[in-house]
Every structure is written in C-alpha cells, then in structure tokens.
Amino acid sequence: PALLFTRAEVQFLFQAPLTRHQLVHYKLIRSQVGTIFGSVITTLFLRPGSLAMGWTAMVGIWVMFSIIGLHSIGISLSRQSVAKAGPIGLAKQWLPFAALLGAIGVLVATVAWDWR
C-alpha cells in the first residue's frame, strides 16, 4: 500500500489531534523528499549540457516522479475502497471499465477499418 505508516509514525501521529486529510498530506509531503533526491541523482547521471538545462531536467524529472507517486497512491486507495466494499464496490466502478471497453472498441474498429 502506498500510504503505509511506520510504527513510529503510528505512535506519534495517530495520537495527535490530526484529521485523516492532514495525515495524507503529511505522507505526500514526506514522499516529496525522496522524489526530489531521486530527481537530483538522476539529473547528475544524465549530465545535461548547461546549468539551465540541468535545472529544467531536474524539475521535469521531479514532476514525473511526483505524478507517478500520486498515481500509485490513488490506485492503492481505489483498490482498498473496492476491496472493502466487495462486489457492490466493484459495481460502483463501472465508469473506468466502460471507458476501457470503449477505448478497446475504438482500437479494434480502427484496426478492422484499415486492415488490408
């Protein structure tokens, strides 16, 4: 799970008067430290031509890593929600499945239309 808290975090943060919203924000901000460190290391290995290109590359890599991290957190929370609700939760997720089936249908129709 993406929002896994350590034992120390559970002991100190869950006893504090914090809302769930604030706990999620804490986890997101804490993940940014590792993301920024990873983007700096990646930029050093890529060795851009100039200092300006280096900053641009580092910010771009940081944004990309942040988006991937937020996406994995969203997937984790969505999976936990569906697993907790059971079959009813899966039935409530009809829109993503319909969008996926629609995209596959458009792909199949396009390939069938242009097939020679």
Protein backbone atom coordinates (compact mmCIF):
# COMPACT_ATOMS: atom_id res chain seq x y z
CA PRO A 1 0.00 0.00 0.00
CA ALA A 2 1.15 3.50 -0.84
CA LEU A 3 0.02 5.03 2.46
CA LEU A 4 1.83 2.67 4.79
CA PHE A 5 2.83 4.31 8.06
CA THR A 6 5.77 3.14 10.15
CA ARG A 7 5.30 2.10 13.77
CA ALA A 8 6.84 5.36 14.98
CA GLU A 9 4.54 7.41 12.75
CA VAL A 10 1.53 5.50 14.03
CA GLN A 11 2.58 6.03 17.63
CA PHE A 12 3.22 9.76 17.31
CA LEU A 13 0.85 10.92 14.58
CA PHE A 14 -2.25 8.88 15.33
CA GLN A 15 -2.27 10.06 18.95
CA ALA A 16 -2.13 13.69 17.84
CA PRO A 17 -5.28 15.66 17.04
CA LEU A 18 -4.84 15.26 13.27
CA THR A 19 -7.51 14.58 10.68
CA ARG A 20 -7.17 11.92 8.00
CA HIS A 21 -6.76 14.70 5.48
CA GLN A 22 -3.74 16.04 7.38
CA LEU A 23 -2.23 12.54 7.64
CA VAL A 24 -2.48 12.08 3.88
CA HIS A 25 -0.87 15.49 3.34
CA TYR A 26 1.94 14.52 5.71
CA LYS A 27 2.57 11.35 3.71
CA LEU A 28 2.52 13.26 0.41
CA ILE A 29 4.97 15.89 1.64
CA ARG A 30 7.24 13.26 3.12
CA SER A 31 7.32 11.36 -0.19
CA GLN A 32 8.49 14.53 -1.95
CA VAL A 33 11.81 14.42 -0.07
CA GLY A 34 12.69 11.11 -1.69
CA THR A 35 11.32 12.24 -5.02
CA ILE A 36 13.49 15.37 -5.06
CA PHE A 37 16.55 13.35 -4.03
CA GLY A 38 15.87 10.84 -6.80
CA SER A 39 15.48 13.58 -9.39
CA VAL A 40 18.77 15.20 -8.32
CA ILE A 41 20.63 11.89 -8.59
CA THR A 42 19.04 11.15 -11.97
CA THR A 43 19.98 14.62 -13.24
CA LEU A 44 23.57 14.13 -12.11
CA PHE A 45 23.77 10.85 -14.04
CA LEU A 46 22.21 12.38 -17.17
CA ARG A 47 24.73 15.27 -17.17
CA PRO A 48 22.86 17.97 -19.07
CA GLY A 49 24.88 20.44 -21.21
CA SER A 50 24.35 23.59 -19.15
CA LEU A 51 23.19 24.67 -15.72
CA ALA A 52 19.85 25.92 -17.06
CA MET A 53 19.23 22.61 -18.82
CA GLY A 54 20.16 20.81 -15.60
CA TRP A 55 17.56 22.70 -13.54
CA THR A 56 14.94 22.16 -16.24
CA ALA A 57 15.73 18.44 -16.38
CA MET A 58 15.65 18.12 -12.60
CA VAL A 59 12.28 19.86 -12.30
CA GLY A 60 10.86 17.76 -15.14
CA ILE A 61 12.06 14.52 -13.57
CA TRP A 62 10.73 15.64 -10.17
CA VAL A 63 7.29 16.37 -11.67
CA MET A 64 7.31 13.00 -13.46
CA PHE A 65 8.26 11.10 -10.27
CA SER A 66 5.64 13.04 -8.29
CA ILE A 67 2.90 12.18 -10.78
CA ILE A 68 3.88 8.51 -10.70
CA GLY A 69 3.83 8.55 -6.88
CA LEU A 70 0.44 10.27 -6.73
CA HIS A 71 -0.92 7.82 -9.28
CA SER A 72 0.24 4.84 -7.23
CA ILE A 73 -1.34 6.33 -4.09
CA GLY A 74 -4.61 6.82 -5.96
CA ILE A 75 -4.54 3.26 -7.26
CA SER A 76 -3.84 1.94 -3.76
CA LEU A 77 -6.71 3.92 -2.22
CA SER A 78 -9.07 2.88 -5.01
CA ARG A 79 -8.16 -0.80 -4.62
CA GLN A 80 -8.66 -0.65 -0.87
CA SER A 81 -12.05 1.02 -1.34
CA VAL A 82 -13.20 -1.63 -3.81
CA ALA A 83 -11.88 -4.46 -1.64
CA LYS A 84 -13.62 -3.08 1.43
CA ALA A 85 -16.98 -2.69 -0.32
CA GLY A 86 -16.84 -6.09 -2.03
CA PRO A 87 -18.96 -6.77 -5.13
CA ILE A 88 -21.01 -3.62 -4.59
CA GLY A 89 -17.81 -1.54 -4.68
CA LEU A 90 -16.79 -3.20 -7.92
CA ALA A 91 -20.19 -2.42 -9.42
CA LYS A 92 -19.75 1.25 -8.48
CA GLN A 93 -16.57 1.37 -10.57
CA TRP A 94 -18.46 0.94 -13.86
CA LEU A 95 -17.20 4.17 -15.46
CA PRO A 96 -13.48 3.23 -15.68
CA PHE A 97 -14.41 -0.21 -17.02
CA ALA A 98 -16.75 1.35 -19.59
CA ALA A 99 -14.03 3.79 -20.66
CA LEU A 100 -11.55 0.93 -21.03
CA LEU A 101 -14.01 -1.13 -23.08
CA GLY A 102 -14.79 1.91 -25.23
CA ALA A 103 -11.09 2.53 -25.89
CA ILE A 104 -10.55 -1.11 -26.81
CA GLY A 105 -13.61 -0.95 -29.08
CA VAL A 106 -12.28 2.14 -30.86
CA LEU A 107 -8.88 0.48 -31.30
CA VAL A 108 -10.40 -2.71 -32.69
CA ALA A 109 -12.72 -0.76 -35.02
CA THR A 110 -9.83 1.37 -36.31
CA VAL A 111 -7.65 -1.65 -36.99
CA ALA A 112 -10.54 -3.50 -38.64
CA TRP A 113 -11.39 -0.45 -40.79
CA ASP A 114 -7.80 0.00 -42.04
CA TRP A 115 -6.96 -3.72 -42.33
CA ARG A 116 -5.82 -4.79 -45.77
